[in-house]
Amino acid sequence: MPVNIRPPPRSALLHYSDAFDPEMEFQLRERNLATLEEMQNNAVYVEANFLIRRAKMKEEEMKNIDPEESTYLEVKLDILVSEMEEMMQRITPRN
């Protein structure tokens, strides 16, 4: 692309963060990064931190569940897993 019509390097930063949920968008904009590459790398880092935080929150929630409710959730999870396995069997191409 010719230099005289190329957009400035920071122009991509204006809309890149709009693709994320509001919390992550805020985290990316707060860092005030200079290039799109930096923002993309930070998006991966921020998303990893969010996933770790959500996993810790779920772990804490599971600790607070009484045993009776826990067995109910395990049964529901087992049903869900078996249904997903059946769906995968139907989707998987047979040679």
N, C-alpha and C. Protein backbone atom coordinates (compact mmCIF):
# COMPACT_ATOMS: atom_id res chain seq x y z
N MET A 1 0.84 -1.17 0.00
CA MET A 1 0.00 0.00 0.00
C MET A 1 0.89 1.24 0.00
N PRO A 2 0.60 2.18 -0.86
CA PRO A 2 1.42 3.40 -0.91
C PRO A 2 1.40 4.14 0.43
N VAL A 3 2.52 4.71 0.76
CA VAL A 3 2.69 5.38 2.05
C VAL A 3 1.74 6.56 2.19
N ASN A 4 1.47 7.28 1.10
CA ASN A 4 0.64 8.48 1.21
C ASN A 4 -0.84 8.17 1.49
N ILE A 5 -1.30 6.93 1.24
CA ILE A 5 -2.70 6.60 1.56
C ILE A 5 -2.82 5.58 2.70
N ARG A 6 -1.70 5.15 3.23
CA ARG A 6 -1.70 4.19 4.34
C ARG A 6 -2.23 4.88 5.61
N PRO A 7 -3.14 4.22 6.33
CA PRO A 7 -3.63 4.83 7.58
C PRO A 7 -2.53 4.85 8.64
N PRO A 8 -2.62 5.77 9.57
CA PRO A 8 -1.60 5.82 10.62
C PRO A 8 -1.60 4.52 11.44
N PRO A 9 -0.46 4.14 11.99
CA PRO A 9 -0.35 2.87 12.72
C PRO A 9 -1.35 2.71 13.87
N ARG A 10 -1.67 3.78 14.56
CA ARG A 10 -2.57 3.69 15.71
C ARG A 10 -4.05 3.66 15.31
N SER A 11 -4.37 3.86 14.05
CA SER A 11 -5.79 3.90 13.66
C SER A 11 -6.47 2.56 13.84
N ALA A 12 -5.75 1.45 13.68
CA ALA A 12 -6.34 0.13 13.88
C ALA A 12 -6.71 -0.10 15.34
N LEU A 13 -6.04 0.60 16.23
CA LEU A 13 -6.32 0.45 17.66
C LEU A 13 -7.70 1.00 18.04
N LEU A 14 -8.23 1.90 17.21
CA LEU A 14 -9.52 2.52 17.54
C LEU A 14 -10.66 1.51 17.58
N HIS A 15 -10.63 0.52 16.71
CA HIS A 15 -11.75 -0.40 16.60
C HIS A 15 -11.42 -1.83 16.97
N TYR A 16 -10.16 -2.18 17.12
CA TYR A 16 -9.78 -3.56 17.43
C TYR A 16 -10.41 -4.03 18.75
N SER A 17 -10.36 -3.19 19.76
CA SER A 17 -10.87 -3.60 21.08
C SER A 17 -12.39 -3.70 21.11
N ASP A 18 -13.09 -3.12 20.12
CA ASP A 18 -14.55 -3.21 20.08
C ASP A 18 -15.04 -4.64 19.86
N ALA A 19 -14.17 -5.51 19.40
CA ALA A 19 -14.55 -6.90 19.12
C ALA A 19 -14.71 -7.71 20.41
N PHE A 20 -14.27 -7.18 21.53
CA PHE A 20 -14.30 -7.91 22.79
C PHE A 20 -15.45 -7.45 23.68
N ASP A 21 -15.70 -8.23 24.74
CA ASP A 21 -16.74 -7.83 25.69
C ASP A 21 -16.27 -6.57 26.42
N PRO A 22 -17.20 -5.82 27.03
CA PRO A 22 -16.85 -4.52 27.62
C PRO A 22 -15.73 -4.58 28.66
N GLU A 23 -15.70 -5.62 29.47
CA GLU A 23 -14.66 -5.71 30.50
C GLU A 23 -13.28 -5.86 29.88
N MET A 24 -13.19 -6.71 28.87
CA MET A 24 -11.90 -6.91 28.22
C MET A 24 -11.52 -5.68 27.40
N GLU A 25 -12.48 -5.07 26.76
CA GLU A 25 -12.22 -3.84 26.00
C GLU A 25 -11.61 -2.78 26.91
N PHE A 26 -12.18 -2.64 28.10
CA PHE A 26 -11.66 -1.67 29.06
C PHE A 26 -10.22 -2.00 29.43
N GLN A 27 -9.94 -3.29 29.68
CA GLN A 27 -8.58 -3.69 30.05
C GLN A 27 -7.59 -3.37 28.93
N LEU A 28 -7.99 -3.60 27.68
CA LEU A 28 -7.08 -3.32 26.57
C LEU A 28 -6.86 -1.83 26.36
N ARG A 29 -7.93 -1.06 26.43
CA ARG A 29 -7.79 0.39 26.23
C ARG A 29 -7.02 1.04 27.37
N GLU A 30 -7.16 0.50 28.58
CA GLU A 30 -6.49 1.05 29.75
C GLU A 30 -4.97 0.98 29.62
N ARG A 31 -4.47 0.01 28.88
CA ARG A 31 -3.03 -0.19 28.75
C ARG A 31 -2.37 0.81 27.82
N ASN A 32 -3.15 1.51 27.00
CA ASN A 32 -2.64 2.57 26.12
C ASN A 32 -1.45 2.09 25.30
N LEU A 33 -1.67 1.08 24.49
CA LEU A 33 -0.61 0.47 23.70
C LEU A 33 -0.36 1.25 22.42
N ALA A 34 0.84 1.12 21.89
CA ALA A 34 1.25 1.92 20.73
C ALA A 34 0.93 1.25 19.40
N THR A 35 0.96 -0.08 19.34
CA THR A 35 0.77 -0.75 18.06
C THR A 35 -0.31 -1.82 18.16
N LEU A 36 -0.83 -2.20 17.00
CA LEU A 36 -1.83 -3.25 16.94
C LEU A 36 -1.24 -4.57 17.41
N GLU A 37 -0.01 -4.84 17.07
CA GLU A 37 0.65 -6.08 17.50
C GLU A 37 0.71 -6.18 19.02
N GLU A 38 1.06 -5.06 19.67
CA GLU A 38 1.09 -5.04 21.14
C GLU A 38 -0.30 -5.31 21.71
N MET A 39 -1.31 -4.71 21.10
CA MET A 39 -2.67 -4.90 21.58
C MET A 39 -3.11 -6.36 21.39
N GLN A 40 -2.74 -6.96 20.27
CA GLN A 40 -3.10 -8.36 20.03
C GLN A 40 -2.41 -9.27 21.06
N ASN A 41 -1.15 -9.01 21.33
CA ASN A 41 -0.43 -9.81 22.32
C ASN A 41 -1.04 -9.64 23.71
N ASN A 42 -1.41 -8.41 24.04
CA ASN A 42 -2.03 -8.16 25.33
C ASN A 42 -3.43 -8.75 25.40
N ALA A 43 -4.13 -8.82 24.28
CA ALA A 43 -5.46 -9.45 24.27
C ALA A 43 -5.35 -10.91 24.67
N VAL A 44 -4.32 -11.58 24.18
CA VAL A 44 -4.10 -12.99 24.56
C VAL A 44 -3.79 -13.08 26.05
N TYR A 45 -2.96 -12.19 26.53
CA TYR A 45 -2.58 -12.19 27.94
C TYR A 45 -3.79 -11.90 28.84
N VAL A 46 -4.57 -10.89 28.48
CA VAL A 46 -5.75 -10.52 29.27
C VAL A 46 -6.77 -11.66 29.25
N GLU A 47 -7.00 -12.25 28.08
CA GLU A 47 -7.96 -13.36 27.99
C GLU A 47 -7.50 -14.53 28.85
N ALA A 48 -6.22 -14.82 28.86
CA ALA A 48 -5.71 -15.91 29.70
C ALA A 48 -5.96 -15.61 31.17
N ASN A 49 -5.75 -14.36 31.58
CA ASN A 49 -6.01 -13.99 32.97
C ASN A 49 -7.49 -14.11 33.32
N PHE A 50 -8.37 -13.71 32.40
CA PHE A 50 -9.81 -13.85 32.63
C PHE A 50 -10.19 -15.32 32.79
N LEU A 51 -9.63 -16.18 31.95
CA LEU A 51 -9.95 -17.60 32.04
C LEU A 51 -9.47 -18.20 33.36
N ILE A 52 -8.30 -17.80 33.80
CA ILE A 52 -7.78 -18.28 35.08
C ILE A 52 -8.67 -17.80 36.21
N ARG A 53 -9.07 -16.52 36.15
CA ARG A 53 -9.92 -15.97 37.20
C ARG A 53 -11.27 -16.67 37.24
N ARG A 54 -11.86 -16.93 36.05
CA ARG A 54 -13.15 -17.63 36.01
C ARG A 54 -13.02 -19.05 36.55
N ALA A 55 -11.91 -19.72 36.24
CA ALA A 55 -11.70 -21.08 36.75
C ALA A 55 -11.59 -21.07 38.27
N LYS A 56 -10.89 -20.09 38.82
CA LYS A 56 -10.77 -19.98 40.27
C LYS A 56 -12.13 -19.70 40.91
N MET A 57 -12.92 -18.85 40.27
CA MET A 57 -14.25 -18.55 40.80
C MET A 57 -15.13 -19.80 40.78
N LYS A 58 -15.07 -20.57 39.70
CA LYS A 58 -15.86 -21.81 39.63
C LYS A 58 -15.40 -22.78 40.70
N GLU A 59 -14.10 -22.86 40.91
CA GLU A 59 -13.56 -23.75 41.93
C GLU A 59 -14.09 -23.36 43.30
N GLU A 60 -14.11 -22.06 43.59
CA GLU A 60 -14.64 -21.58 44.86
C GLU A 60 -16.13 -21.90 44.98
N GLU A 61 -16.87 -21.73 43.90
CA GLU A 61 -18.29 -22.05 43.92
C GLU A 61 -18.52 -23.52 44.22
N MET A 62 -17.68 -24.38 43.62
CA MET A 62 -17.84 -25.82 43.83
C MET A 62 -17.53 -26.20 45.28
N LYS A 63 -16.64 -25.48 45.92
CA LYS A 63 -16.34 -25.75 47.33
C LYS A 63 -17.53 -25.41 48.21
N ASN A 64 -18.33 -24.43 47.79
CA ASN A 64 -19.46 -23.98 48.60
C ASN A 64 -20.74 -24.76 48.36
N ILE A 65 -20.72 -25.70 47.41
CA ILE A 65 -21.91 -26.49 47.11
C ILE A 65 -21.99 -27.66 48.08
N ASP A 66 -23.19 -27.90 48.61
CA ASP A 66 -23.35 -29.03 49.52
C ASP A 66 -23.27 -30.35 48.76
N PRO A 67 -22.92 -31.44 49.43
CA PRO A 67 -22.71 -32.72 48.75
C PRO A 67 -23.92 -33.22 47.96
N GLU A 68 -25.11 -32.98 48.49
CA GLU A 68 -26.32 -33.44 47.79
C GLU A 68 -26.46 -32.76 46.44
N GLU A 69 -26.23 -31.45 46.42
CA GLU A 69 -26.31 -30.71 45.17
C GLU A 69 -25.17 -31.09 44.24
N SER A 70 -24.01 -31.40 44.81
CA SER A 70 -22.85 -31.79 44.02
C SER A 70 -23.12 -33.07 43.23
N THR A 71 -23.74 -34.06 43.84
CA THR A 71 -24.05 -35.30 43.12
C THR A 71 -25.05 -35.03 42.01
N TYR A 72 -26.00 -34.14 42.26
CA TYR A 72 -26.97 -33.78 41.22
C TYR A 72 -26.26 -33.15 40.02
N LEU A 73 -25.31 -32.27 40.29
CA LEU A 73 -24.55 -31.63 39.21
C LEU A 73 -23.69 -32.65 38.47
N GLU A 74 -23.12 -33.60 39.19
CA GLU A 74 -22.31 -34.63 38.54
C GLU A 74 -23.16 -35.49 37.61
N VAL A 75 -24.37 -35.82 38.04
CA VAL A 75 -25.28 -36.61 37.20
C VAL A 75 -25.63 -35.82 35.94
N LYS A 76 -25.94 -34.55 36.10
CA LYS A 76 -26.26 -33.71 34.94
C LYS A 76 -25.06 -33.61 34.00
N LEU A 77 -23.87 -33.48 34.57
CA LEU A 77 -22.67 -33.40 33.75
C LEU A 77 -22.45 -34.71 32.99
N ASP A 78 -22.65 -35.83 33.66
CA ASP A 78 -22.50 -37.13 32.99
C ASP A 78 -23.48 -37.26 31.83
N ILE A 79 -24.70 -36.81 32.03
CA ILE A 79 -25.70 -36.86 30.95
C ILE A 79 -25.26 -35.98 29.79
N LEU A 80 -24.80 -34.79 30.10
CA LEU A 80 -24.34 -33.87 29.07
C LEU A 80 -23.17 -34.45 28.29
N VAL A 81 -22.22 -35.05 29.00
CA VAL A 81 -21.05 -35.64 28.34
C VAL A 81 -21.49 -36.78 27.42
N SER A 82 -22.38 -37.63 27.89
CA SER A 82 -22.82 -38.75 27.05
C SER A 82 -23.57 -38.25 25.81
N GLU A 83 -24.38 -37.21 25.96
CA GLU A 83 -25.08 -36.64 24.81
C GLU A 83 -24.10 -36.05 23.81
N MET A 84 -23.06 -35.38 24.31
CA MET A 84 -22.06 -34.80 23.42
C MET A 84 -21.30 -35.91 22.69
N GLU A 85 -20.99 -37.00 23.38
CA GLU A 85 -20.31 -38.11 22.73
C GLU A 85 -21.16 -38.70 21.61
N GLU A 86 -22.47 -38.84 21.87
CA GLU A 86 -23.37 -39.35 20.84
C GLU A 86 -23.41 -38.41 19.64
N MET A 87 -23.45 -37.11 19.90
CA MET A 87 -23.46 -36.14 18.80
C MET A 87 -22.17 -36.23 18.00
N MET A 88 -21.04 -36.37 18.67
CA MET A 88 -19.76 -36.46 17.97
C MET A 88 -19.71 -37.73 17.11
N GLN A 89 -20.31 -38.82 17.60
CA GLN A 89 -20.36 -40.05 16.81
C GLN A 89 -21.15 -39.84 15.52
N ARG A 90 -22.23 -39.08 15.61
CA ARG A 90 -23.04 -38.81 14.42
C ARG A 90 -22.33 -37.88 13.45
N ILE A 91 -21.54 -36.96 13.99
CA ILE A 91 -20.86 -35.97 13.15
C ILE A 91 -19.61 -36.56 12.50
N THR A 92 -18.90 -37.42 13.20
CA THR A 92 -17.65 -37.96 12.72
C THR A 92 -17.87 -38.74 11.43
N PRO A 93 -17.13 -38.40 10.37
CA PRO A 93 -17.30 -39.12 9.10
C PRO A 93 -16.81 -40.56 9.22
N ARG A 94 -17.55 -41.44 8.63
CA ARG A 94 -17.20 -42.86 8.66
C ARG A 94 -16.50 -43.22 7.36
N ASN A 95 -15.35 -43.85 7.45
CA ASN A 95 -14.57 -44.23 6.25
C ASN A 95 -14.88 -45.65 5.86
